[in-house]
Amino acid sequence: MLTIDASELNQLRADLGIAGYKATRAAQVVIRKTAADIAAEAKRLAPVDTGMLRASIGYDVSASGLVAIIGPTVSYGAFVEFGTRRMAPHAYMGPALDRCTPAYVSAMAQIGL
């Protein structure tokens, strides 16, 4: 007769479920902080004429907490970033993203994602 004790497998299943929840919660924190950091850096880098562009830069985090949308709300924000045929670009979002990406990657690596 062969007897198999699966009690440890049940505990492993429970532990893995908790680990997944904790990793998701940690990722949500990292995403929210990174979004705030990118928005702050973009505000610092944005050119100022009237201040409307800078004031309009912000971020939104999805209900899941795993997606962030960062950028200006003024209609001309993309024209400043990428330029037009009459105006040279003055990038502020791209450089802000570039400066904040290493910290994001490092934090996600610590979580194991």
Protein backbone atom coordinates (compact mmCIF):
# COMPACT_ATOMS: atom_id res chain seq x y z
CA MET A 1 0.00 0.00 0.00
CA LEU A 2 1.27 3.48 -0.94
CA THR A 3 0.29 6.54 1.09
CA ILE A 4 0.85 10.08 -0.19
CA ASP A 5 0.74 13.07 2.14
CA ALA A 6 -0.43 16.09 0.10
CA SER A 7 -0.81 18.45 3.05
CA GLU A 8 2.38 20.29 2.14
CA LEU A 9 1.12 20.75 -1.43
CA ASN A 10 -1.99 22.45 -0.11
CA GLN A 11 0.18 24.80 1.97
CA LEU A 12 2.38 25.51 -1.07
CA ARG A 13 -0.72 26.36 -3.12
CA ALA A 14 -1.88 28.77 -0.40
CA ASP A 15 1.60 30.32 -0.11
CA LEU A 16 1.83 30.85 -3.86
CA GLY A 17 -1.57 32.54 -3.88
CA ILE A 18 -0.45 34.93 -1.15
CA ALA A 19 2.86 35.61 -2.94
CA GLY A 20 1.00 36.52 -6.13
CA TYR A 21 -1.22 38.93 -4.23
CA LYS A 22 1.76 40.52 -2.48
CA ALA A 23 3.66 40.88 -5.78
CA THR A 24 0.67 42.55 -7.41
CA ARG A 25 0.25 44.97 -4.49
CA ALA A 26 3.97 45.82 -4.60
CA ALA A 27 3.80 46.36 -8.37
CA GLN A 28 0.86 48.73 -7.90
CA VAL A 29 2.91 50.79 -5.44
CA VAL A 30 5.87 50.91 -7.83
CA ILE A 31 3.66 51.95 -10.76
CA ARG A 32 1.96 54.73 -8.80
CA LYS A 33 5.28 56.07 -7.51
CA THR A 34 6.91 55.90 -10.93
CA ALA A 35 3.96 57.71 -12.51
CA ALA A 36 4.25 60.47 -9.90
CA ASP A 37 8.02 60.67 -10.44
CA ILE A 38 7.66 60.90 -14.23
CA ALA A 39 4.99 63.61 -13.95
CA ALA A 40 7.16 65.60 -11.53
CA GLU A 41 10.22 65.30 -13.77
CA ALA A 42 8.19 66.25 -16.87
CA LYS A 43 6.92 69.35 -15.05
CA ARG A 44 10.50 70.26 -14.22
CA LEU A 45 11.60 69.81 -17.85
CA ALA A 46 8.58 71.40 -19.56
CA PRO A 47 9.15 74.79 -21.18
CA VAL A 48 7.27 77.62 -19.55
CA ASP A 49 5.53 80.39 -21.39
CA THR A 50 2.22 80.80 -19.60
CA GLY A 51 2.67 77.80 -17.28
CA MET A 52 -0.43 76.02 -18.58
CA LEU A 53 1.53 73.12 -20.07
CA ARG A 54 3.43 72.50 -16.85
CA ALA A 55 0.29 72.78 -14.74
CA SER A 56 -1.57 70.31 -16.96
CA ILE A 57 0.94 67.48 -16.56
CA GLY A 58 -0.38 64.71 -14.35
CA TYR A 59 -1.12 61.02 -14.24
CA ASP A 60 -4.00 58.60 -13.87
CA VAL A 61 -3.71 55.04 -12.57
CA SER A 62 -6.17 52.41 -13.77
CA ALA A 63 -8.59 50.65 -11.44
CA SER A 64 -6.32 47.58 -11.47
CA GLY A 65 -3.41 49.77 -10.41
CA LEU A 66 -1.23 48.18 -13.06
CA VAL A 67 -1.50 50.82 -15.80
CA ALA A 68 -0.64 54.51 -15.58
CA ILE A 69 -1.28 57.24 -18.13
CA ILE A 70 1.05 60.18 -17.74
CA GLY A 71 1.09 63.44 -19.66
CA PRO A 72 -0.35 66.88 -20.23
CA THR A 73 -4.01 67.61 -20.74
CA VAL A 74 -3.54 70.75 -22.84
CA SER A 75 -4.16 70.17 -26.53
CA TYR A 76 -0.76 71.43 -27.64
CA GLY A 77 1.34 69.18 -25.39
CA ALA A 78 2.31 66.81 -28.21
CA PHE A 79 3.28 69.72 -30.48
CA VAL A 80 5.74 70.94 -27.86
CA GLU A 81 7.14 67.44 -27.31
CA PHE A 82 7.53 66.48 -30.98
CA GLY A 83 7.59 69.87 -32.69
CA THR A 84 5.86 70.96 -35.86
CA ARG A 85 7.18 72.00 -39.23
CA ARG A 86 7.35 75.56 -37.87
CA MET A 87 8.54 74.82 -34.35
CA ALA A 88 11.43 72.69 -33.11
CA PRO A 89 10.58 70.01 -30.56
CA HIS A 90 11.16 70.61 -26.89
CA ALA A 91 10.93 67.13 -25.41
CA TYR A 92 9.93 66.89 -21.77
CA MET A 93 7.91 63.67 -21.48
CA GLY A 94 10.43 61.40 -23.21
CA PRO A 95 13.39 62.59 -21.15
CA ALA A 96 11.31 62.33 -17.97
CA LEU A 97 10.49 58.73 -18.83
CA ASP A 98 14.14 57.99 -19.63
CA ARG A 99 15.29 59.39 -16.28
CA CYS A 100 12.73 57.46 -14.24
CA THR A 101 12.91 54.11 -16.03
CA PRO A 102 16.02 52.73 -14.24
CA ALA A 103 14.40 53.11 -10.80
CA TYR A 104 11.21 51.46 -12.11
CA VAL A 105 13.11 48.52 -13.59
CA SER A 106 15.13 48.09 -10.40
CA ALA A 107 12.01 48.17 -8.17
CA MET A 108 10.19 45.64 -10.36
CA ALA A 109 13.24 43.38 -10.35
CA GLN A 110 13.23 43.40 -6.55
CA ILE A 111 9.61 42.27 -6.61
CA GLY A 112 10.54 39.54 -9.05
CA LEU A 113 8.52 40.83 -12.00
